């Protein structure tokens, strides 16, 4: 089976992000980057699918030279081949999906895995967009997956419960926490990943349809206030909630 998994290179969740001087991007200085956590789940599910059906797992990322760090992590987990769609230009979700879909067509994947969203912009659009561009069915936020005889049965999260979805391959799957527990790369896997080549491919430039006009950090929270330590403070508390907080 030809299995394709797309991954993104995102700021570490523990990194303190600052806005760049242009007010539209983050300042990369001092920022640690990592494999998107939801994409780790996608990589693990791709590897489990390979174990079930044999074949190969190709991991692919769109971005600049630094994306190779993330591709190496996926190779260390056990992916067979890595492809960098090299483009340092900032793209919106539509433009990213266009580049990924073009490669997916070229590769001829039988199943494509994404994380349900990327933690940098959190728009959760790219997987669905790629499926639409390829004319494939897509199942999102999957927490349980079964593939048999070319048929897919997936359990996905919906508001207030879970939903069972049936489909056929080829298909696009976006993964949610709970689907699996991503493996840690072994020392052998890490050493092997260093020797595996990363194929670089140029991609067609596509105009973004969304423009970021401004990026800013959330306003600092006001310090807490103690209005008293006994029942006599109740009246003052009610006044502050009404006049300052305006919640009553």
C-alpha atoms as a PDB file:
ATOM      1  CA  UNK A   1       0.000   0.000   0.000  1.00  0.00           C
ATOM      2  CA  UNK A   2       1.202   3.518  -0.822  1.00  0.00           C
ATOM      3  CA  UNK A   3       0.760   5.552   2.361  1.00  0.00           C
ATOM      4  CA  UNK A   4       1.365   9.289   2.487  1.00  0.00           C
ATOM      5  CA  UNK A   5       1.507  11.411   5.622  1.00  0.00           C
ATOM      6  CA  UNK A   6       1.799  15.197   5.598  1.00  0.00           C
ATOM      7  CA  UNK A   7       3.470  16.952   8.541  1.00  0.00           C
ATOM      8  CA  UNK A   8       4.115  20.526   9.614  1.00  0.00           C
ATOM      9  CA  UNK A   9       7.044  22.226  11.364  1.00  0.00           C
ATOM     10  CA  UNK A  10       5.624  24.358  14.182  1.00  0.00           C
ATOM     11  CA  UNK A  11       6.846  26.391  17.171  1.00  0.00           C
ATOM     12  CA  UNK A  12       7.362  24.308  20.304  1.00  0.00           C
ATOM     13  CA  UNK A  13       4.406  24.606  22.683  1.00  0.00           C
ATOM     14  CA  UNK A  14       6.766  25.782  25.453  1.00  0.00           C
ATOM     15  CA  UNK A  15       8.369  28.528  23.353  1.00  0.00           C
ATOM     16  CA  UNK A  16       7.564  32.141  24.148  1.00  0.00           C
ATOM     17  CA  UNK A  17       6.510  33.556  20.796  1.00  0.00           C
ATOM     18  CA  UNK A  18       7.079  37.208  19.902  1.00  0.00           C
ATOM     19  CA  UNK A  19       5.597  39.211  17.043  1.00  0.00           C
ATOM     20  CA  UNK A  20       8.085  40.254  14.352  1.00  0.00           C
ATOM     21  CA  UNK A  21       8.803  43.888  13.516  1.00  0.00           C
ATOM     22  CA  UNK A  22       6.404  43.845  10.553  1.00  0.00           C
ATOM     23  CA  UNK A  23       3.498  42.998  12.877  1.00  0.00           C
ATOM     24  CA  UNK A  24       2.338  40.162  10.607  1.00  0.00           C
ATOM     25  CA  UNK A  25       4.603  37.205  11.430  1.00  0.00           C
ATOM     26  CA  UNK A  26       6.226  35.669  14.468  1.00  0.00           C
ATOM     27  CA  UNK A  27       9.863  36.475  15.228  1.00  0.00           C
ATOM     28  CA  UNK A  28      11.766  33.189  14.692  1.00  0.00           C
ATOM     29  CA  UNK A  29      14.742  34.322  16.784  1.00  0.00           C
ATOM     30  CA  UNK A  30      15.136  32.000  19.745  1.00  0.00           C
ATOM     31  CA  UNK A  31      12.084  29.920  18.813  1.00  0.00           C
ATOM     32  CA  UNK A  32      12.376  26.140  19.019  1.00  0.00           C
ATOM     33  CA  UNK A  33      10.411  24.219  16.402  1.00  0.00           C
ATOM     34  CA  UNK A  34       8.969  20.714  16.492  1.00  0.00           C
ATOM     35  CA  UNK A  35       6.883  18.142  14.641  1.00  0.00           C
ATOM     36  CA  UNK A  36       3.252  19.225  15.011  1.00  0.00           C
ATOM     37  CA  UNK A  37       1.811  17.054  17.860  1.00  0.00           C
ATOM     38  CA  UNK A  38      -1.308  16.018  15.911  1.00  0.00           C
ATOM     39  CA  UNK A  39       0.932  15.056  12.992  1.00  0.00           C
ATOM     40  CA  UNK A  40       2.847  12.678  15.282  1.00  0.00           C
ATOM     41  CA  UNK A  41      -0.437  10.803  15.690  1.00  0.00           C
ATOM     42  CA  UNK A  42      -0.826  10.781  11.887  1.00  0.00           C
ATOM     43  CA  UNK A  43       2.693   9.379  11.452  1.00  0.00           C
ATOM     44  CA  UNK A  44       2.025   6.644  14.013  1.00  0.00           C
ATOM     45  CA  UNK A  45      -1.225   5.650  12.288  1.00  0.00           C
ATOM     46  CA  UNK A  46       0.537   5.578   8.919  1.00  0.00           C
ATOM     47  CA  UNK A  47       3.181   3.246  10.360  1.00  0.00           C
ATOM     48  CA  UNK A  48       0.517   0.996  11.904  1.00  0.00           C
ATOM     49  CA  UNK A  49      -1.253   0.867   8.533  1.00  0.00           C
ATOM     50  CA  UNK A  50       1.995  -0.214   6.876  1.00  0.00           C
ATOM     51  CA  UNK A  51       2.418  -2.983   9.464  1.00  0.00           C
ATOM     52  CA  UNK A  52      -1.048  -4.245   8.581  1.00  0.00           C
ATOM     53  CA  UNK A  53      -0.823  -4.094   4.787  1.00  0.00           C
ATOM     54  CA  UNK A  54       2.934  -3.747   4.002  1.00  0.00           C
ATOM     55  CA  UNK A  55       4.032  -1.146   1.447  1.00  0.00           C
ATOM     56  CA  UNK A  56       5.784   2.151   2.185  1.00  0.00           C
ATOM     57  CA  UNK A  57       5.181   5.301   4.213  1.00  0.00           C
ATOM     58  CA  UNK A  58       6.263   8.579   2.640  1.00  0.00           C
ATOM     59  CA  UNK A  59       6.359  11.633   4.905  1.00  0.00           C
ATOM     60  CA  UNK A  60       6.099  15.029   3.226  1.00  0.00           C
ATOM     61  CA  UNK A  61       6.288  18.628   4.413  1.00  0.00           C
ATOM     62  CA  UNK A  62       5.967  21.984   2.669  1.00  0.00           C
ATOM     63  CA  UNK A  63       8.303  24.733   3.806  1.00  0.00           C
ATOM     64  CA  UNK A  64      11.885  25.883   4.043  1.00  0.00           C
ATOM     65  CA  UNK A  65      15.144  24.142   4.886  1.00  0.00           C
ATOM     66  CA  UNK A  66      14.325  23.975   8.606  1.00  0.00           C
ATOM     67  CA  UNK A  67      11.406  21.622   7.892  1.00  0.00           C
ATOM     68  CA  UNK A  68      14.012  18.908   7.422  1.00  0.00           C
ATOM     69  CA  UNK A  69      14.303  18.686  11.239  1.00  0.00           C
ATOM     70  CA  UNK A  70      10.677  17.579  11.414  1.00  0.00           C
ATOM     71  CA  UNK A  71      11.098  15.176   8.497  1.00  0.00           C
ATOM     72  CA  UNK A  72      14.083  13.595  10.279  1.00  0.00           C
ATOM     73  CA  UNK A  73      11.906  13.028  13.352  1.00  0.00           C
ATOM     74  CA  UNK A  74       9.313  11.228  11.221  1.00  0.00           C
ATOM     75  CA  UNK A  75      12.046   9.150   9.558  1.00  0.00           C
ATOM     76  CA  UNK A  76      13.383   8.234  13.000  1.00  0.00           C
ATOM     77  CA  UNK A  77       9.903   7.036  13.955  1.00  0.00           C
ATOM     78  CA  UNK A  78      10.037   4.628  11.006  1.00  0.00           C
ATOM     79  CA  UNK A  79       8.885   6.340   7.800  1.00  0.00           C
ATOM     80  CA  UNK A  80      10.567   4.972   4.676  1.00  0.00           C
ATOM     81  CA  UNK A  81      11.072   8.128   2.673  1.00  0.00           C
ATOM     82  CA  UNK A  82      10.909  11.914   3.202  1.00  0.00           C
ATOM     83  CA  UNK A  83      10.048  14.637   0.703  1.00  0.00           C
ATOM     84  CA  UNK A  84      10.454  18.374   1.223  1.00  0.00           C
ATOM     85  CA  UNK A  85       8.286  20.550  -0.999  1.00  0.00           C
ATOM     86  CA  UNK A  86      10.654  23.459  -0.762  1.00  0.00           C
ATOM     87  CA  UNK A  87       9.083  26.897  -0.581  1.00  0.00           C
ATOM     88  CA  UNK A  88      10.049  29.536   1.972  1.00  0.00           C
ATOM     89  CA  UNK A  89       7.121  31.808   1.009  1.00  0.00           C
ATOM     90  CA  UNK A  90       4.394  32.119   3.645  1.00  0.00           C
ATOM     91  CA  UNK A  91       1.233  30.474   2.289  1.00  0.00           C
ATOM     92  CA  UNK A  92      -2.351  30.398   3.509  1.00  0.00           C
ATOM     93  CA  UNK A  93      -4.206  27.099   3.927  1.00  0.00           C
ATOM     94  CA  UNK A  94      -5.471  27.067   0.331  1.00  0.00           C
ATOM     95  CA  UNK A  95      -2.006  27.632  -1.139  1.00  0.00           C
ATOM     96  CA  UNK A  96      -0.471  25.013   1.175  1.00  0.00           C
ATOM     97  CA  UNK A  97      -3.176  22.499   0.242  1.00  0.00           C
ATOM     98  CA  UNK A  98      -2.582  23.144  -3.485  1.00  0.00           C
ATOM     99  CA  UNK A  99       1.083  22.228  -3.164  1.00  0.00           C
ATOM    100  CA  UNK A 100       0.349  19.129  -1.096  1.00  0.00           C
ATOM    101  CA  UNK A 101      -2.417  17.970  -3.442  1.00  0.00           C
ATOM    102  CA  UNK A 102      -0.113  18.264  -6.458  1.00  0.00           C
ATOM    103  CA  UNK A 103       2.421  15.979  -4.807  1.00  0.00           C
ATOM    104  CA  UNK A 104      -0.263  13.538  -3.651  1.00  0.00           C
ATOM    105  CA  UNK A 105      -1.463  13.225  -7.258  1.00  0.00           C
ATOM    106  CA  UNK A 106       2.097  12.597  -8.435  1.00  0.00           C
ATOM    107  CA  UNK A 107       2.709   9.947  -5.779  1.00  0.00           C
ATOM    108  CA  UNK A 108      -0.629   8.184  -6.176  1.00  0.00           C
ATOM    109  CA  UNK A 109      -1.301   7.545  -2.475  1.00  0.00           C
ATOM    110  CA  UNK A 110      -3.931   4.993  -1.493  1.00  0.00           C
ATOM    111  CA  UNK A 111      -4.424   6.633   1.895  1.00  0.00           C
ATOM    112  CA  UNK A 112      -3.317  10.053   3.157  1.00  0.00           C
ATOM    113  CA  UNK A 113      -2.920  11.010   6.814  1.00  0.00           C
ATOM    114  CA  UNK A 114      -2.894  14.473   8.384  1.00  0.00           C
ATOM    115  CA  UNK A 115      -3.066  15.665  11.964  1.00  0.00           C
ATOM    116  CA  UNK A 116      -6.494  17.204  12.561  1.00  0.00           C
ATOM    117  CA  UNK A 117      -4.897  20.661  12.741  1.00  0.00           C
ATOM    118  CA  UNK A 118      -1.578  22.423  13.007  1.00  0.00           C
ATOM    119  CA  UNK A 119      -0.966  24.177  16.331  1.00  0.00           C
ATOM    120  CA  UNK A 120       0.504  27.309  14.737  1.00  0.00           C
ATOM    121  CA  UNK A 121      -2.665  28.641  13.035  1.00  0.00           C
ATOM    122  CA  UNK A 122      -5.185  26.046  14.281  1.00  0.00           C
ATOM    123  CA  UNK A 123      -7.533  26.458  11.309  1.00  0.00           C
ATOM    124  CA  UNK A 124      -7.939  22.692  10.670  1.00  0.00           C
ATOM    125  CA  UNK A 125      -8.559  23.255   6.955  1.00  0.00           C
ATOM    126  CA  UNK A 126      -5.675  21.740   5.022  1.00  0.00           C
ATOM    127  CA  UNK A 127      -6.675  18.064   5.202  1.00  0.00           C
ATOM    128  CA  UNK A 128     -10.188  18.758   3.957  1.00  0.00           C
ATOM    129  CA  UNK A 129      -8.946  21.085   1.234  1.00  0.00           C
ATOM    130  CA  UNK A 130      -6.494  18.481  -0.066  1.00  0.00           C
ATOM    131  CA  UNK A 131      -9.257  15.850  -0.131  1.00  0.00           C
ATOM    132  CA  UNK A 132     -11.497  18.193  -2.131  1.00  0.00           C
ATOM    133  CA  UNK A 133      -8.721  19.001  -4.600  1.00  0.00           C
ATOM    134  CA  UNK A 134      -8.058  15.274  -5.097  1.00  0.00           C
ATOM    135  CA  UNK A 135     -11.721  14.319  -5.290  1.00  0.00           C
ATOM    136  CA  UNK A 136     -11.272  11.933  -2.345  1.00  0.00           C
ATOM    137  CA  UNK A 137     -13.540  11.333   0.635  1.00  0.00           C
ATOM    138  CA  UNK A 138     -12.186  12.737   3.900  1.00  0.00           C
ATOM    139  CA  UNK A 139     -12.849  11.817   7.510  1.00  0.00           C
ATOM    140  CA  UNK A 140     -11.722  14.280  10.167  1.00  0.00           C
ATOM    141  CA  UNK A 141     -10.904  14.132  13.908  1.00  0.00           C
ATOM    142  CA  UNK A 142     -10.643  10.343  13.790  1.00  0.00           C
ATOM    143  CA  UNK A 143     -10.190   8.542  17.129  1.00  0.00           C
ATOM    144  CA  UNK A 144     -10.567   4.959  15.878  1.00  0.00           C
ATOM    145  CA  UNK A 145      -9.776   3.526  12.456  1.00  0.00           C
ATOM    146  CA  UNK A 146     -10.316   0.148  10.823  1.00  0.00           C
ATOM    147  CA  UNK A 147      -9.342  -0.693   7.237  1.00  0.00           C
ATOM    148  CA  UNK A 148     -10.343  -3.962   5.582  1.00  0.00           C
ATOM    149  CA  UNK A 149     -10.684  -4.996   1.938  1.00  0.00           C
ATOM    150  CA  UNK A 150     -10.454  -1.403   0.740  1.00  0.00           C
ATOM    151  CA  UNK A 151     -13.187  -0.248   3.119  1.00  0.00           C
ATOM    152  CA  UNK A 152     -12.703   2.242   5.939  1.00  0.00           C
ATOM    153  CA  UNK A 153     -14.664   2.378   9.185  1.00  0.00           C
ATOM    154  CA  UNK A 154     -13.745   5.382  11.288  1.00  0.00           C
ATOM    155  CA  UNK A 155     -14.986   6.719  14.585  1.00  0.00           C
ATOM    156  CA  UNK A 156     -14.749  10.486  14.776  1.00  0.00           C
ATOM    157  CA  UNK A 157     -15.439  13.104  17.398  1.00  0.00           C
ATOM    158  CA  UNK A 158     -18.443  15.378  17.031  1.00  0.00           C
ATOM    159  CA  UNK A 159     -19.866  17.856  19.500  1.00  0.00           C
ATOM    160  CA  UNK A 160     -21.428  15.916  22.329  1.00  0.00           C
ATOM    161  CA  UNK A 161     -20.455  12.455  21.125  1.00  0.00           C
ATOM    162  CA  UNK A 162     -18.860  10.211  18.507  1.00  0.00           C
ATOM    163  CA  UNK A 163     -19.904   9.301  14.972  1.00  0.00           C
ATOM    164  CA  UNK A 164     -19.175   6.152  12.930  1.00  0.00           C
ATOM    165  CA  UNK A 165     -18.313   6.836   9.279  1.00  0.00           C
ATOM    166  CA  UNK A 166     -17.908   4.309   6.432  1.00  0.00           C
ATOM    167  CA  UNK A 167     -15.874   5.059   3.319  1.00  0.00           C
ATOM    168  CA  UNK A 168     -13.682   3.451   0.685  1.00  0.00           C
ATOM    169  CA  UNK A 169     -10.048   3.904  -0.250  1.00  0.00           C
ATOM    170  CA  UNK A 170      -8.426   6.072  -1.416  1.00  0.00           C
ATOM    171  CA  UNK A 171      -9.281   8.504   1.375  1.00  0.00           C
ATOM    172  CA  UNK A 172      -7.897  11.317   3.504  1.00  0.00           C
ATOM    173  CA  UNK A 173      -7.845  10.837   7.281  1.00  0.00           C
ATOM    174  CA  UNK A 174      -7.161  13.576   9.833  1.00  0.00           C
ATOM    175  CA  UNK A 175      -6.171  12.256  13.248  1.00  0.00           C
ATOM    176  CA  UNK A 176      -7.197  13.272  16.752  1.00  0.00           C
ATOM    177  CA  UNK A 177      -5.735  12.519  20.194  1.00  0.00           C
ATOM    178  CA  UNK A 178      -6.818   9.107  21.397  1.00  0.00           C
ATOM    179  CA  UNK A 179      -6.388   7.356  18.056  1.00  0.00           C
ATOM    180  CA  UNK A 180      -3.003   5.975  19.154  1.00  0.00           C
ATOM    181  CA  UNK A 181       0.061   6.677  21.268  1.00  0.00           C
ATOM    182  CA  UNK A 182       2.926   7.889  19.035  1.00  0.00           C
ATOM    183  CA  UNK A 183       6.100   5.868  19.445  1.00  0.00           C
ATOM    184  CA  UNK A 184       9.388   7.359  20.602  1.00  0.00           C
ATOM    185  CA  UNK A 185      12.167   7.078  18.019  1.00  0.00           C
ATOM    186  CA  UNK A 186      14.687   4.400  18.958  1.00  0.00           C
ATOM    187  CA  UNK A 187      18.419   5.079  18.934  1.00  0.00           C
ATOM    188  CA  UNK A 188      18.706   2.875  15.848  1.00  0.00           C
ATOM    189  CA  UNK A 189      15.866   4.819  14.211  1.00  0.00           C
ATOM    190  CA  UNK A 190      17.564   8.139  14.951  1.00  0.00           C
ATOM    191  CA  UNK A 191      20.870   6.922  13.494  1.00  0.00           C
ATOM    192  CA  UNK A 192      19.154   5.477  10.414  1.00  0.00           C
ATOM    193  CA  UNK A 193      17.245   8.738   9.886  1.00  0.00           C
ATOM    194  CA  UNK A 194      20.517  10.662   9.664  1.00  0.00           C
ATOM    195  CA  UNK A 195      21.580   8.490   6.732  1.00  0.00           C
ATOM    196  CA  UNK A 196      18.300   8.565   4.834  1.00  0.00           C
ATOM    197  CA  UNK A 197      18.198  11.201   2.065  1.00  0.00           C
ATOM    198  CA  UNK A 198      15.444  13.812   1.986  1.00  0.00           C
ATOM    199  CA  UNK A 199      14.180  14.415  -1.525  1.00  0.00           C
ATOM    200  CA  UNK A 200      13.660  18.077  -2.373  1.00  0.00           C
ATOM    201  CA  UNK A 201      11.050  19.074  -4.929  1.00  0.00           C
ATOM    202  CA  UNK A 202      10.151  22.487  -6.296  1.00  0.00           C
ATOM    203  CA  UNK A 203       6.458  23.330  -6.378  1.00  0.00           C
ATOM    204  CA  UNK A 204       4.227  25.642  -8.355  1.00  0.00           C
ATOM    205  CA  UNK A 205       3.679  29.068  -6.839  1.00  0.00           C
ATOM    206  CA  UNK A 206       0.050  29.620  -5.829  1.00  0.00           C
ATOM    207  CA  UNK A 207      -1.361  32.952  -4.700  1.00  0.00           C
ATOM    208  CA  UNK A 208      -2.754  32.964  -1.173  1.00  0.00           C
ATOM    209  CA  UNK A 209      -6.399  33.918  -0.769  1.00  0.00           C
ATOM    210  CA  UNK A 210      -6.078  35.125   2.811  1.00  0.00           C
ATOM    211  CA  UNK A 211      -3.836  37.983   3.904  1.00  0.00           C
ATOM    212  CA  UNK A 212      -2.722  38.534   7.486  1.00  0.00           C
ATOM    213  CA  UNK A 213      -3.245  42.224   8.224  1.00  0.00           C
ATOM    214  CA  UNK A 214      -1.978  42.207  11.813  1.00  0.00           C
ATOM    215  CA  UNK A 215      -0.690  39.818  14.442  1.00  0.00           C
ATOM    216  CA  UNK A 216      -0.634  40.688  18.119  1.00  0.00           C
ATOM    217  CA  UNK A 217      -0.228  38.982  21.445  1.00  0.00           C
ATOM    218  CA  UNK A 218      -3.168  38.827  23.849  1.00  0.00           C
ATOM    219  CA  UNK A 219      -3.466  41.741  26.243  1.00  0.00           C
ATOM    220  CA  UNK A 220      -1.932  41.127  29.663  1.00  0.00           C
ATOM    221  CA  UNK A 221      -4.427  40.111  32.293  1.00  0.00           C
ATOM    222  CA  UNK A 222      -5.158  42.638  35.025  1.00  0.00           C
ATOM    223  CA  UNK A 223      -3.767  41.705  38.456  1.00  0.00           C
ATOM    224  CA  UNK A 224      -6.115  40.081  40.932  1.00  0.00           C
ATOM    225  CA  UNK A 225      -7.722  42.114  43.688  1.00  0.00           C
ATOM    226  CA  UNK A 226      -8.614  41.087  47.238  1.00  0.00           C
ATOM    227  CA  UNK A 227     -11.560  43.122  48.505  1.00  0.00           C
ATOM    228  CA  UNK A 228     -11.772  41.587  51.942  1.00  0.00           C
ATOM    229  CA  UNK A 229     -11.497  38.439  54.000  1.00  0.00           C
ATOM    230  CA  UNK A 230     -14.929  38.133  55.592  1.00  0.00           C
ATOM    231  CA  UNK A 231     -18.627  38.619  54.871  1.00  0.00           C
ATOM    232  CA  UNK A 232     -18.336  42.421  55.162  1.00  0.00           C
ATOM    233  CA  UNK A 233     -16.602  42.432  51.734  1.00  0.00           C
ATOM    234  CA  UNK A 234     -19.654  41.052  49.936  1.00  0.00           C
ATOM    235  CA  UNK A 235     -21.193  44.438  49.140  1.00  0.00           C
ATOM    236  CA  UNK A 236     -17.915  45.767  47.708  1.00  0.00           C
ATOM    237  CA  UNK A 237     -17.462  42.595  45.664  1.00  0.00           C
ATOM    238  CA  UNK A 238     -20.926  42.966  44.154  1.00  0.00           C
ATOM    239  CA  UNK A 239     -20.220  46.613  43.325  1.00  0.00           C
ATOM    240  CA  UNK A 240     -16.929  45.745  41.557  1.00  0.00           C
ATOM    241  CA  UNK A 241     -18.526  42.908  39.588  1.00  0.00           C
ATOM    242  CA  UNK A 242     -21.248  45.287  38.455  1.00  0.00           C
ATOM    243  CA  UNK A 243     -19.259  48.481  37.796  1.00  0.00           C
ATOM    244  CA  UNK A 244     -15.779  47.259  36.813  1.00  0.00           C
ATOM    245  CA  UNK A 245     -16.073  43.693  35.586  1.00  0.00           C
ATOM    246  CA  UNK A 246     -19.579  44.335  34.226  1.00  0.00           C
ATOM    247  CA  UNK A 247     -20.576  40.689  34.600  1.00  0.00           C
ATOM    248  CA  UNK A 248     -23.706  41.340  36.647  1.00  0.00           C
END
